Amino acid sequence: MSLHLRRRRPHLADPARFQVRDGGPLLEVIDLSTHFRTERGLVRAVDGVSLTLNRGQTLGIVGESGSGKTILSRSIMGLLPKSNVVRQGQVLYAGHDLVGLPERELRLIWGAEI
């Protein structure tokens, strides 16, 4: 007799919670900055980025290696280290500010929504 353990599927975010209302943007990034505290001082990886993305639109981020593309996307999603990071600005996803949300709430939208 074999015992099969079933993994529970993670609870997905309530789809109605992230509906775009009144034709507003799906993603709005307002003056987003991400800086890292190091022994040599503050490193400004992302500094004052703003963008708007409506549902159905595609946006490409291009730049040289080390220009901050990955840190920008990780900052938008909230996937940054827990210490020595200064993140400021707003990230609105379907009108909901993601900056400052606890990780457990962000997990509901990672992959399922963003």
PDB file of N, CA and C in Angstrom:
ATOM      1  N   MET A   1       0.840  -1.162   0.000  1.00  0.00           N
ATOM      2  CA  MET A   1       0.000   0.000   0.000  1.00  0.00           C
ATOM      3  C   MET A   1       0.895   1.237   0.000  1.00  0.00           C
ATOM      4  N   SER A   2       0.632   2.146  -0.923  1.00  0.00           N
ATOM      5  CA  SER A   2       1.443   3.361  -0.980  1.00  0.00           C
ATOM      6  C   SER A   2       0.606   4.555  -0.538  1.00  0.00           C
ATOM      7  N   LEU A   3       1.269   5.432   0.065  1.00  0.00           N
ATOM      8  CA  LEU A   3       0.617   6.642   0.561  1.00  0.00           C
ATOM      9  C   LEU A   3       1.034   7.803  -0.335  1.00  0.00           C
ATOM     10  N   HIS A   4       0.063   8.444  -0.943  1.00  0.00           N
ATOM     11  CA  HIS A   4       0.341   9.588  -1.809  1.00  0.00           C
ATOM     12  C   HIS A   4      -0.042  10.861  -1.073  1.00  0.00           C
ATOM     13  N   LEU A   5       0.938  11.698  -0.887  1.00  0.00           N
ATOM     14  CA  LEU A   5       0.663  12.985  -0.264  1.00  0.00           C
ATOM     15  C   LEU A   5       0.379  13.999  -1.359  1.00  0.00           C
ATOM     16  N   ARG A   6      -0.678  14.676  -1.208  1.00  0.00           N
ATOM     17  CA  ARG A   6      -1.061  15.664  -2.190  1.00  0.00           C
ATOM     18  C   ARG A   6      -0.674  17.048  -1.694  1.00  0.00           C
ATOM     19  N   ARG A   7      -0.011  17.779  -2.543  1.00  0.00           N
ATOM     20  CA  ARG A   7       0.328  19.157  -2.180  1.00  0.00           C
ATOM     21  C   ARG A   7      -0.894  20.020  -2.404  1.00  0.00           C
ATOM     22  N   ARG A   8      -1.159  20.858  -1.447  1.00  0.00           N
ATOM     23  CA  ARG A   8      -2.273  21.784  -1.595  1.00  0.00           C
ATOM     24  C   ARG A   8      -1.872  22.893  -2.540  1.00  0.00           C
ATOM     25  N   ARG A   9      -2.772  23.255  -3.419  1.00  0.00           N
ATOM     26  CA  ARG A   9      -2.520  24.376  -4.306  1.00  0.00           C
ATOM     27  C   ARG A   9      -2.550  25.655  -3.492  1.00  0.00           C
ATOM     28  N   PRO A  10      -1.655  26.569  -3.785  1.00  0.00           N
ATOM     29  CA  PRO A  10      -1.689  27.825  -3.048  1.00  0.00           C
ATOM     30  C   PRO A  10      -2.974  28.573  -3.336  1.00  0.00           C
ATOM     31  N   HIS A  11      -3.456  29.266  -2.325  1.00  0.00           N
ATOM     32  CA  HIS A  11      -4.657  30.064  -2.487  1.00  0.00           C
ATOM     33  C   HIS A  11      -4.353  31.216  -3.430  1.00  0.00           C
ATOM     34  N   LEU A  12      -5.127  31.347  -4.485  1.00  0.00           N
ATOM     35  CA  LEU A  12      -4.909  32.419  -5.442  1.00  0.00           C
ATOM     36  C   LEU A  12      -5.655  33.664  -5.002  1.00  0.00           C
ATOM     37  N   ALA A  13      -5.146  34.781  -5.432  1.00  0.00           N
ATOM     38  CA  ALA A  13      -5.779  36.053  -5.099  1.00  0.00           C
ATOM     39  C   ALA A  13      -7.194  36.090  -5.655  1.00  0.00           C
ATOM     40  N   ASP A  14      -8.059  36.780  -4.953  1.00  0.00           N
ATOM     41  CA  ASP A  14      -9.419  36.984  -5.417  1.00  0.00           C
ATOM     42  C   ASP A  14      -9.360  37.763  -6.719  1.00  0.00           C
ATOM     43  N   PRO A  15      -9.772  37.180  -7.863  1.00  0.00           N
ATOM     44  CA  PRO A  15      -9.646  37.869  -9.145  1.00  0.00           C
ATOM     45  C   PRO A  15     -10.387  39.203  -9.172  1.00  0.00           C
ATOM     46  N   ALA A  16     -11.484  39.308  -8.448  1.00  0.00           N
ATOM     47  CA  ALA A  16     -12.248  40.553  -8.444  1.00  0.00           C
ATOM     48  C   ALA A  16     -11.473  41.681  -7.778  1.00  0.00           C
ATOM     49  N   ARG A  17     -10.564  41.318  -6.878  1.00  0.00           N
ATOM     50  CA  ARG A  17      -9.798  42.334  -6.159  1.00  0.00           C
ATOM     51  C   ARG A  17      -8.921  43.140  -7.099  1.00  0.00           C
ATOM     52  N   PHE A  18      -8.442  42.519  -8.161  1.00  0.00           N
ATOM     53  CA  PHE A  18      -7.508  43.182  -9.054  1.00  0.00           C
ATOM     54  C   PHE A  18      -8.117  43.517 -10.411  1.00  0.00           C
ATOM     55  N   GLN A  19      -9.408  43.748 -10.443  1.00  0.00           N
ATOM     56  CA  GLN A  19     -10.056  44.195 -11.665  1.00  0.00           C
ATOM     57  C   GLN A  19      -9.781  45.680 -11.871  1.00  0.00           C
ATOM     58  N   VAL A  20      -9.427  46.043 -13.104  1.00  0.00           N
ATOM     59  CA  VAL A  20      -9.214  47.453 -13.415  1.00  0.00           C
ATOM     60  C   VAL A  20     -10.577  48.103 -13.542  1.00  0.00           C
ATOM     61  N   ARG A  21     -10.770  49.175 -12.795  1.00  0.00           N
ATOM     62  CA  ARG A  21     -12.057  49.860 -12.807  1.00  0.00           C
ATOM     63  C   ARG A  21     -11.965  51.151 -13.601  1.00  0.00           C
ATOM     64  N   ASP A  22     -13.046  51.490 -14.260  1.00  0.00           N
ATOM     65  CA  ASP A  22     -13.189  52.783 -14.944  1.00  0.00           C
ATOM     66  C   ASP A  22     -12.073  53.047 -15.953  1.00  0.00           C
ATOM     67  N   GLY A  23     -11.584  52.012 -16.600  1.00  0.00           N
ATOM     68  CA  GLY A  23     -10.566  52.194 -17.632  1.00  0.00           C
ATOM     69  C   GLY A  23      -9.226  52.688 -17.111  1.00  0.00           C
ATOM     70  N   GLY A  24      -8.982  52.558 -15.826  1.00  0.00           N
ATOM     71  CA  GLY A  24      -7.708  52.992 -15.247  1.00  0.00           C
ATOM     72  C   GLY A  24      -6.582  52.082 -15.676  1.00  0.00           C
ATOM     73  N   PRO A  25      -5.355  52.477 -15.385  1.00  0.00           N
ATOM     74  CA  PRO A  25      -4.202  51.655 -15.772  1.00  0.00           C
ATOM     75  C   PRO A  25      -4.131  50.365 -14.966  1.00  0.00           C
ATOM     76  N   LEU A  26      -3.573  49.334 -15.589  1.00  0.00           N
ATOM     77  CA  LEU A  26      -3.348  48.071 -14.893  1.00  0.00           C
ATOM     78  C   LEU A  26      -2.173  48.217 -13.927  1.00  0.00           C
ATOM     79  N   LEU A  27      -1.110  48.871 -14.400  1.00  0.00           N
ATOM     80  CA  LEU A  27       0.076  49.081 -13.584  1.00  0.00           C
ATOM     81  C   LEU A  27       0.496  50.530 -13.702  1.00  0.00           C
ATOM     82  N   GLU A  28       0.684  51.149 -12.556  1.00  0.00           N
ATOM     83  CA  GLU A  28       1.178  52.525 -12.537  1.00  0.00           C
ATOM     84  C   GLU A  28       2.307  52.605 -11.514  1.00  0.00           C
ATOM     85  N   VAL A  29       3.472  52.980 -11.988  1.00  0.00           N
ATOM     86  CA  VAL A  29       4.647  53.138 -11.144  1.00  0.00           C
ATOM     87  C   VAL A  29       4.920  54.635 -11.059  1.00  0.00           C
ATOM     88  N   ILE A  30       4.960  55.150  -9.827  1.00  0.00           N
ATOM     89  CA  ILE A  30       5.089  56.592  -9.634  1.00  0.00           C
ATOM     90  C   ILE A  30       6.331  56.881  -8.793  1.00  0.00           C
ATOM     91  N   ASP A  31       7.313  57.507  -9.423  1.00  0.00           N
ATOM     92  CA  ASP A  31       8.533  57.975  -8.761  1.00  0.00           C
ATOM     93  C   ASP A  31       9.177  56.879  -7.901  1.00  0.00           C
ATOM     94  N   LEU A  32       9.349  55.701  -8.480  1.00  0.00           N
ATOM     95  CA  LEU A  32       9.912  54.558  -7.756  1.00  0.00           C
ATOM     96  C   LEU A  32      11.423  54.673  -7.664  1.00  0.00           C
ATOM     97  N   SER A  33      11.939  54.545  -6.460  1.00  0.00           N
ATOM     98  CA  SER A  33      13.383  54.557  -6.213  1.00  0.00           C
ATOM     99  C   SER A  33      13.740  53.358  -5.345  1.00  0.00           C
ATOM    100  N   THR A  34      14.851  52.735  -5.666  1.00  0.00           N
ATOM    101  CA  THR A  34      15.369  51.632  -4.870  1.00  0.00           C
ATOM    102  C   THR A  34      16.860  51.842  -4.685  1.00  0.00           C
ATOM    103  N   HIS A  35      17.257  52.006  -3.433  1.00  0.00           N
ATOM    104  CA  HIS A  35      18.653  52.248  -3.094  1.00  0.00           C
ATOM    105  C   HIS A  35      19.110  51.179  -2.119  1.00  0.00           C
ATOM    106  N   PHE A  36      20.386  50.842  -2.190  1.00  0.00           N
ATOM    107  CA  PHE A  36      20.970  49.838  -1.314  1.00  0.00           C
ATOM    108  C   PHE A  36      22.024  50.495  -0.430  1.00  0.00           C
ATOM    109  N   ARG A  37      21.954  50.211   0.865  1.00  0.00           N
ATOM    110  CA  ARG A  37      22.974  50.684   1.803  1.00  0.00           C
ATOM    111  C   ARG A  37      24.143  49.703   1.775  1.00  0.00           C
ATOM    112  N   THR A  38      25.324  50.226   1.513  1.00  0.00           N
ATOM    113  CA  THR A  38      26.519  49.387   1.485  1.00  0.00           C
ATOM    114  C   THR A  38      27.579  50.020   2.392  1.00  0.00           C
ATOM    115  N   GLU A  39      28.675  49.310   2.588  1.00  0.00           N
ATOM    116  CA  GLU A  39      29.786  49.852   3.383  1.00  0.00           C
ATOM    117  C   GLU A  39      30.380  51.093   2.735  1.00  0.00           C
ATOM    118  N   ARG A  40      30.242  51.205   1.429  1.00  0.00           N
ATOM    119  CA  ARG A  40      30.802  52.343   0.694  1.00  0.00           C
ATOM    120  C   ARG A  40      29.805  53.488   0.545  1.00  0.00           C
ATOM    121  N   GLY A  41      28.600  53.309   1.077  1.00  0.00           N
ATOM    122  CA  GLY A  41      27.580  54.354   0.965  1.00  0.00           C
ATOM    123  C   GLY A  41      26.333  53.841   0.266  1.00  0.00           C
ATOM    124  N   LEU A  42      25.493  54.760  -0.140  1.00  0.00           N
ATOM    125  CA  LEU A  42      24.214  54.427  -0.762  1.00  0.00           C
ATOM    126  C   LEU A  42      24.389  54.219  -2.261  1.00  0.00           C
ATOM    127  N   VAL A  43      23.908  53.080  -2.767  1.00  0.00           N
ATOM    128  CA  VAL A  43      23.943  52.786  -4.200  1.00  0.00           C
ATOM    129  C   VAL A  43      22.537  53.000  -4.748  1.00  0.00           C
ATOM    130  N   ARG A  44      22.411  53.902  -5.690  1.00  0.00           N
ATOM    131  CA  ARG A  44      21.107  54.231  -6.291  1.00  0.00           C
ATOM    132  C   ARG A  44      20.891  53.344  -7.511  1.00  0.00           C
ATOM    133  N   ALA A  45      20.190  52.249  -7.323  1.00  0.00           N
ATOM    134  CA  ALA A  45      19.968  51.292  -8.412  1.00  0.00           C
ATOM    135  C   ALA A  45      18.827  51.737  -9.324  1.00  0.00           C
ATOM    136  N   VAL A  46      17.752  52.235  -8.740  1.00  0.00           N
ATOM    137  CA  VAL A  46      16.596  52.753  -9.479  1.00  0.00           C
ATOM    138  C   VAL A  46      16.292  54.101  -8.851  1.00  0.00           C
ATOM    139  N   ASP A  47      16.146  55.126  -9.685  1.00  0.00           N
ATOM    140  CA  ASP A  47      16.000  56.463  -9.120  1.00  0.00           C
ATOM    141  C   ASP A  47      14.926  57.257  -9.870  1.00  0.00           C
ATOM    142  N   GLY A  48      13.723  57.297  -9.294  1.00  0.00           N
ATOM    143  CA  GLY A  48      12.654  58.141  -9.820  1.00  0.00           C
ATOM    144  C   GLY A  48      11.994  57.645 -11.096  1.00  0.00           C
ATOM    145  N   VAL A  49      11.736  56.361 -11.200  1.00  0.00           N
ATOM    146  CA  VAL A  49      11.101  55.795 -12.395  1.00  0.00           C
ATOM    147  C   VAL A  49       9.579  55.915 -12.280  1.00  0.00           C
ATOM    148  N   SER A  50       8.962  56.377 -13.357  1.00  0.00           N
ATOM    149  CA  SER A  50       7.500  56.433 -13.449  1.00  0.00           C
ATOM    150  C   SER A  50       7.087  55.846 -14.787  1.00  0.00           C
ATOM    151  N   LEU A  51       6.016  55.063 -14.775  1.00  0.00           N
ATOM    152  CA  LEU A  51       5.474  54.493 -16.007  1.00  0.00           C
ATOM    153  C   LEU A  51       4.021  54.102 -15.784  1.00  0.00           C
ATOM    154  N   THR A  52       3.288  54.001 -16.878  1.00  0.00           N
ATOM    155  CA  THR A  52       1.889  53.574 -16.831  1.00  0.00           C
ATOM    156  C   THR A  52       1.692  52.507 -17.891  1.00  0.00           C
ATOM    157  N   LEU A  53       1.011  51.431 -17.515  1.00  0.00           N
ATOM    158  CA  LEU A  53       0.758  50.321 -18.426  1.00  0.00           C
ATOM    159  C   LEU A  53      -0.712  49.944 -18.335  1.00  0.00           C
ATOM    160  N   ASN A  54      -1.413  50.043 -19.448  1.00  0.00           N
ATOM    161  CA  ASN A  54      -2.822  49.671 -19.486  1.00  0.00           C
ATOM    162  C   ASN A  54      -2.967  48.197 -19.847  1.00  0.00           C
ATOM    163  N   ARG A  55      -4.107  47.612 -19.500  1.00  0.00           N
ATOM    164  CA  ARG A  55      -4.374  46.211 -19.824  1.00  0.00           C
ATOM    165  C   ARG A  55      -4.246  46.019 -21.341  1.00  0.00           C
ATOM    166  N   GLY A  56      -3.553  44.969 -21.731  1.00  0.00           N
ATOM    167  CA  GLY A  56      -3.378  44.662 -23.149  1.00  0.00           C
ATOM    168  C   GLY A  56      -2.138  45.301 -23.763  1.00  0.00           C
ATOM    169  N   GLN A  57      -1.492  46.197 -23.054  1.00  0.00           N
ATOM    170  CA  GLN A  57      -0.278  46.821 -23.555  1.00  0.00           C
ATOM    171  C   GLN A  57       0.939  45.998 -23.163  1.00  0.00           C
ATOM    172  N   THR A  58       2.002  46.165 -23.935  1.00  0.00           N
ATOM    173  CA  THR A  58       3.276  45.531 -23.634  1.00  0.00           C
ATOM    174  C   THR A  58       4.322  46.618 -23.519  1.00  0.00           C
ATOM    175  N   LEU A  59       5.189  46.475 -22.546  1.00  0.00           N
ATOM    176  CA  LEU A  59       6.248  47.451 -22.331  1.00  0.00           C
ATOM    177  C   LEU A  59       7.571  46.707 -22.270  1.00  0.00           C
ATOM    178  N   GLY A  60       8.539  47.165 -23.037  1.00  0.00           N
ATOM    179  CA  GLY A  60       9.877  46.586 -22.998  1.00  0.00           C
ATOM    180  C   GLY A  60      10.817  47.519 -22.265  1.00  0.00           C
ATOM    181  N   ILE A  61      11.614  46.968 -21.375  1.00  0.00           N
ATOM    182  CA  ILE A  61      12.628  47.740 -20.652  1.00  0.00           C
ATOM    183  C   ILE A  61      13.973  47.309 -21.208  1.00  0.00           C
ATOM    184  N   VAL A  62      14.714  48.237 -21.781  1.00  0.00           N
ATOM    185  CA  VAL A  62      16.014  47.918 -22.372  1.00  0.00           C
ATOM    186  C   VAL A  62      17.092  48.783 -21.735  1.00  0.00           C
ATOM    187  N   GLY A  63      18.291  48.286 -21.761  1.00  0.00           N
ATOM    188  CA  GLY A  63      19.420  49.043 -21.226  1.00  0.00           C
ATOM    189  C   GLY A  63      20.639  48.158 -21.129  1.00  0.00           C
ATOM    190  N   GLU A  64      21.744  48.780 -20.872  1.00  0.00           N
ATOM    191  CA  GLU A  64      22.999  48.052 -20.752  1.00  0.00           C
ATOM    192  C   GLU A  64      22.978  47.155 -19.524  1.00  0.00           C
ATOM    193  N   SER A  65      23.881  46.202 -19.513  1.00  0.00           N
ATOM    194  CA  SER A  65      24.059  45.344 -18.352  1.00  0.00           C
ATOM    195  C   SER A  65      24.391  46.209 -17.147  1.00  0.00           C
ATOM    196  N   GLY A  66      23.707  45.974 -16.045  1.00  0.00           N
ATOM    197  CA  GLY A  66      23.965  46.746 -14.831  1.00  0.00           C
ATOM    198  C   GLY A  66      23.225  48.068 -14.755  1.00  0.00           C
ATOM    199  N   SER A  67      22.305  48.313 -15.700  1.00  0.00           N
ATOM    200  CA  SER A  67      21.603  49.604 -15.711  1.00  0.00           C
ATOM    201  C   SER A  67      20.388  49.651 -14.787  1.00  0.00           C
ATOM    202  N   GLY A  68      20.006  48.511 -14.186  1.00  0.00           N
ATOM    203  CA  GLY A  68      18.911  48.518 -13.219  1.00  0.00           C
ATOM    204  C   GLY A  68      17.617  47.875 -13.673  1.00  0.00           C
ATOM    205  N   LYS A  69      17.617  47.192 -14.810  1.00  0.00           N
ATOM    206  CA  LYS A  69      16.383  46.566 -15.335  1.00  0.00           C
ATOM    207  C   LYS A  69      15.833  45.518 -14.369  1.00  0.00           C
ATOM    208  N   THR A  70      16.680  44.658 -13.878  1.00  0.00           N
ATOM    209  CA  THR A  70      16.233  43.598 -12.970  1.00  0.00           C
ATOM    210  C   THR A  70      15.792  44.180 -11.638  1.00  0.00           C
ATOM    211  N   ILE A  71      16.538  45.136 -11.102  1.00  0.00           N
ATOM    212  CA  ILE A  71      16.153  45.756  -9.829  1.00  0.00           C
ATOM    213  C   ILE A  71      14.830  46.492  -9.990  1.00  0.00           C
ATOM    214  N   LEU A  72      14.598  47.135 -11.129  1.00  0.00           N
ATOM    215  CA  LEU A  72      13.318  47.801 -11.372  1.00  0.00           C
ATOM    216  C   LEU A  72      12.175  46.791 -11.314  1.00  0.00           C
ATOM    217  N   SER A  73      12.306  45.673 -12.018  1.00  0.00           N
ATOM    218  CA  SER A  73      11.224  44.684 -12.020  1.00  0.00           C
ATOM    219  C   SER A  73      11.043  44.052 -10.640  1.00  0.00           C
ATOM    220  N   ARG A  74      12.135  43.782  -9.945  1.00  0.00           N
ATOM    221  CA  ARG A  74      12.026  43.231  -8.592  1.00  0.00           C
ATOM    222  C   ARG A  74      11.435  44.253  -7.628  1.00  0.00           C
ATOM    223  N   SER A  75      11.726  45.520  -7.829  1.00  0.00           N
ATOM    224  CA  SER A  75      11.145  46.578  -7.002  1.00  0.00           C
ATOM    225  C   SER A  75       9.643  46.677  -7.233  1.00  0.00           C
ATOM    226  N   ILE A  76       9.226  46.576  -8.471  1.00  0.00           N
ATOM    227  CA  ILE A  76       7.797  46.629  -8.796  1.00  0.00           C
ATOM    228  C   ILE A  76       7.068  45.485  -8.115  1.00  0.00           C
ATOM    229  N   MET A  77       7.652  44.297  -8.146  1.00  0.00           N
ATOM    230  CA  MET A  77       7.001  43.123  -7.574  1.00  0.00           C
ATOM    231  C   MET A  77       7.197  42.991  -6.067  1.00  0.00           C
ATOM    232  N   GLY A  78       8.129  43.742  -5.501  1.00  0.00           N
ATOM    233  CA  GLY A  78       8.395  43.628  -4.070  1.00  0.00           C
ATOM    234  C   GLY A  78       9.300  42.468  -3.727  1.00  0.00           C
ATOM    235  N   LEU A  79      10.119  42.045  -4.668  1.00  0.00           N
ATOM    236  CA  LEU A  79      11.033  40.914  -4.472  1.00  0.00           C
ATOM    237  C   LEU A  79      12.449  41.416  -4.206  1.00  0.00           C
ATOM    238  N   LEU A  80      12.603  42.116  -3.109  1.00  0.00           N
ATOM    239  CA  LEU A  80      13.892  42.689  -2.742  1.00  0.00           C
ATOM    240  C   LEU A  80      14.364  42.094  -1.427  1.00  0.00           C
ATOM    241  N   PRO A  81      15.674  42.188  -1.157  1.00  0.00           N
ATOM    242  CA  PRO A  81      16.161  41.727   0.148  1.00  0.00           C
ATOM    243  C   PRO A  81      15.454  42.467   1.279  1.00  0.00           C
ATOM    244  N   LYS A  82      15.423  41.843   2.428  1.00  0.00           N
ATOM    245  CA  LYS A  82      14.718  42.409   3.580  1.00  0.00           C
ATOM    246  C   LYS A  82      15.510  43.512   4.282  1.00  0.00           C
ATOM    247  N   SER A  83      16.836  43.521   4.121  1.00  0.00           N
ATOM    248  CA  SER A  83      17.632  44.500   4.856  1.00  0.00           C
ATOM    249  C   SER A  83      18.485  45.329   3.902  1.00  0.00           C
ATOM    250  N   ASN A  84      18.869  46.505   4.381  1.00  0.00           N
ATOM    251  CA  ASN A  84      19.750  47.423   3.669  1.00  0.00           C
ATOM    252  C   ASN A  84      19.184  47.904   2.338  1.00  0.00           C
ATOM    253  N   VAL A  85      17.863  47.965   2.231  1.00  0.00           N
ATOM    254  CA  VAL A  85      17.206  48.433   1.024  1.00  0.00           C
ATOM    255  C   VAL A  85      16.277  49.588   1.383  1.00  0.00           C
ATOM    256  N   VAL A  86      16.348  50.648   0.590  1.00  0.00           N
ATOM    257  CA  VAL A  86      15.429  51.772   0.733  1.00  0.00           C
ATOM    258  C   VAL A  86      14.591  51.809  -0.539  1.00  0.00           C
ATOM    259  N   ARG A  87      13.293  51.574  -0.392  1.00  0.00           N
ATOM    260  CA  ARG A  87      12.371  51.558  -1.535  1.00  0.00           C
ATOM    261  C   ARG A  87      11.316  52.625  -1.292  1.00  0.00           C
ATOM    262  N   GLN A  88      11.186  53.549  -2.232  1.00  0.00           N
ATOM    263  CA  GLN A  88      10.222  54.634  -2.102  1.00  0.00           C
ATOM    264  C   GLN A  88       9.441  54.772  -3.388  1.00  0.00           C
ATOM    265  N   GLY A  89       8.290  55.408  -3.295  1.00  0.00           N
ATOM    266  CA  GLY A  89       7.435  55.628  -4.450  1.00  0.00           C
ATOM    267  C   GLY A  89       6.185  54.785  -4.337  1.00  0.00           C
ATOM    268  N   GLN A  90       5.432  54.760  -5.405  1.00  0.00           N
ATOM    269  CA  GLN A  90       4.197  53.974  -5.428  1.00  0.00           C
ATOM    270  C   GLN A  90       4.219  52.995  -6.584  1.00  0.00           C
ATOM    271  N   VAL A  91       3.675  51.806  -6.321  1.00  0.00           N
ATOM    272  CA  VAL A  91       3.433  50.808  -7.358  1.00  0.00           C
ATOM    273  C   VAL A  91       1.970  50.432  -7.216  1.00  0.00           C
ATOM    274  N   LEU A  92       1.163  50.901  -8.153  1.00  0.00           N
ATOM    275  CA  LEU A  92      -0.269  50.630  -8.119  1.00  0.00           C
ATOM    276  C   LEU A  92      -0.593  49.562  -9.145  1.00  0.00           C
ATOM    277  N   TYR A  93      -1.113  48.440  -8.682  1.00  0.00           N
ATOM    278  CA  TYR A  93      -1.554  47.368  -9.567  1.00  0.00           C
ATOM    279  C   TYR A  93      -3.072  47.308  -9.470  1.00  0.00           C
ATOM    280  N   ALA A  94      -3.748  47.625 -10.549  1.00  0.00           N
ATOM    281  CA  ALA A  94      -5.214  47.704 -10.580  1.00  0.00           C
ATOM    282  C   ALA A  94      -5.724  48.607  -9.449  1.00  0.00           C
ATOM    283  N   GLY A  95      -4.989  49.689  -9.207  1.00  0.00           N
ATOM    284  CA  GLY A  95      -5.396  50.659  -8.211  1.00  0.00           C
ATOM    285  C   GLY A  95      -4.990  50.345  -6.784  1.00  0.00           C
ATOM    286  N   HIS A  96      -4.362  49.202  -6.536  1.00  0.00           N
ATOM    287  CA  HIS A  96      -3.940  48.797  -5.195  1.00  0.00           C
ATOM    288  C   HIS A  96      -2.438  49.025  -5.047  1.00  0.00           C
ATOM    289  N   ASP A  97      -2.037  49.749  -4.015  1.00  0.00           N
ATOM    290  CA  ASP A  97      -0.625  50.029  -3.789  1.00  0.00           C
ATOM    291  C   ASP A  97       0.065  48.778  -3.248  1.00  0.00           C
ATOM    292  N   LEU A  98       1.080  48.309  -3.960  1.00  0.00           N
ATOM    293  CA  LEU A  98       1.799  47.103  -3.560  1.00  0.00           C
ATOM    294  C   LEU A  98       2.944  47.397  -2.599  1.00  0.00           C
ATOM    295  N   VAL A  99       3.420  48.644  -2.571  1.00  0.00           N
ATOM    296  CA  VAL A  99       4.530  48.995  -1.683  1.00  0.00           C
ATOM    297  C   VAL A  99       4.045  48.906  -0.243  1.00  0.00           C
ATOM    298  N   GLY A 100       4.757  48.127   0.534  1.00  0.00           N
ATOM    299  CA  GLY A 100       4.408  47.990   1.942  1.00  0.00           C
ATOM    300  C   GLY A 100       3.477  46.833   2.257  1.00  0.00           C
ATOM    301  N   LEU A 101       2.949  46.129   1.222  1.00  0.00           N
ATOM    302  CA  LEU A 101       2.117  44.963   1.505  1.00  0.00           C
ATOM    303  C   LEU A 101       2.978  43.863   2.109  1.00  0.00           C
ATOM    304  N   PRO A 102       2.433  43.122   3.064  1.00  0.00           N
ATOM    305  CA  PRO A 102       3.184  41.996   3.626  1.00  0.00           C
ATOM    306  C   PRO A 102       3.447  40.929   2.550  1.00  0.00           C
ATOM    307  N   GLU A 103       4.534  40.200   2.723  1.00  0.00           N
ATOM    308  CA  GLU A 103       4.913  39.183   1.739  1.00  0.00           C
ATOM    309  C   GLU A 103       3.802  38.164   1.509  1.00  0.00           C
ATOM    310  N   ARG A 104       3.075  37.802   2.556  1.00  0.00           N
ATOM    311  CA  ARG A 104       2.009  36.797   2.385  1.00  0.00           C
ATOM    312  C   ARG A 104       0.929  37.300   1.421  1.00  0.00           C
ATOM    313  N   GLU A 105       0.668  38.606   1.416  1.00  0.00           N
ATOM    314  CA  GLU A 105      -0.309  39.151   0.472  1.00  0.00           C
ATOM    315  C   GLU A 105       0.280  39.251  -0.931  1.00  0.00           C
ATOM    316  N   LEU A 106       1.550  39.611  -1.005  1.00  0.00           N
ATOM    317  CA  LEU A 106       2.200  39.672  -2.318  1.00  0.00           C
ATOM    318  C   LEU A 106       2.258  38.298  -2.969  1.00  0.00           C
ATOM    319  N   ARG A 107       2.436  37.259  -2.168  1.00  0.00           N
ATOM    320  CA  ARG A 107       2.488  35.891  -2.705  1.00  0.00           C
ATOM    321  C   ARG A 107       1.203  35.526  -3.438  1.00  0.00           C
ATOM    322  N   LEU A 108       0.100  36.114  -3.041  1.00  0.00           N
ATOM    323  CA  LEU A 108      -1.172  35.821  -3.686  1.00  0.00           C
ATOM    324  C   LEU A 108      -1.225  36.319  -5.122  1.00  0.00           C
ATOM    325  N   ILE A 109      -0.418  37.343  -5.425  1.00  0.00           N
ATOM    326  CA  ILE A 109      -0.465  37.869  -6.778  1.00  0.00           C
ATOM    327  C   ILE A 109       0.749  37.509  -7.618  1.00  0.00           C
ATOM    328  N   TRP A 110       1.869  37.110  -6.980  1.00  0.00           N
ATOM    329  CA  TRP A 110       3.033  36.697  -7.759  1.00  0.00           C
ATOM    330  C   TRP A 110       2.652  35.471  -8.574  1.00  0.00           C
ATOM    331  N   GLY A 111       2.893  35.512  -9.843  1.00  0.00           N
ATOM    332  CA  GLY A 111       2.596  34.376 -10.705  1.00  0.00           C
ATOM    333  C   GLY A 111       1.159  34.346 -11.166  1.00  0.00           C
ATOM    334  N   ALA A 112       0.221  34.515 -10.250  1.00  0.00           N
ATOM    335  CA  ALA A 112      -1.204  34.485 -10.617  1.00  0.00           C
ATOM    336  C   ALA A 112      -1.608  35.771 -11.322  1.00  0.00           C
ATOM    337  N   GLU A 113      -1.081  36.885 -10.895  1.00  0.00           N
ATOM    338  CA  GLU A 113      -1.444  38.178 -11.460  1.00  0.00           C
ATOM    339  C   GLU A 113      -0.279  38.867 -12.150  1.00  0.00           C
ATOM    340  N   ILE A 114       0.863  38.868 -11.484  1.00  0.00           N
ATOM    341  CA  ILE A 114       2.030  39.571 -12.034  1.00  0.00           C
ATOM    342  C   ILE A 114       3.083  38.534 -12.399  1.00  0.00           C
TER     343      ILE A 114
END
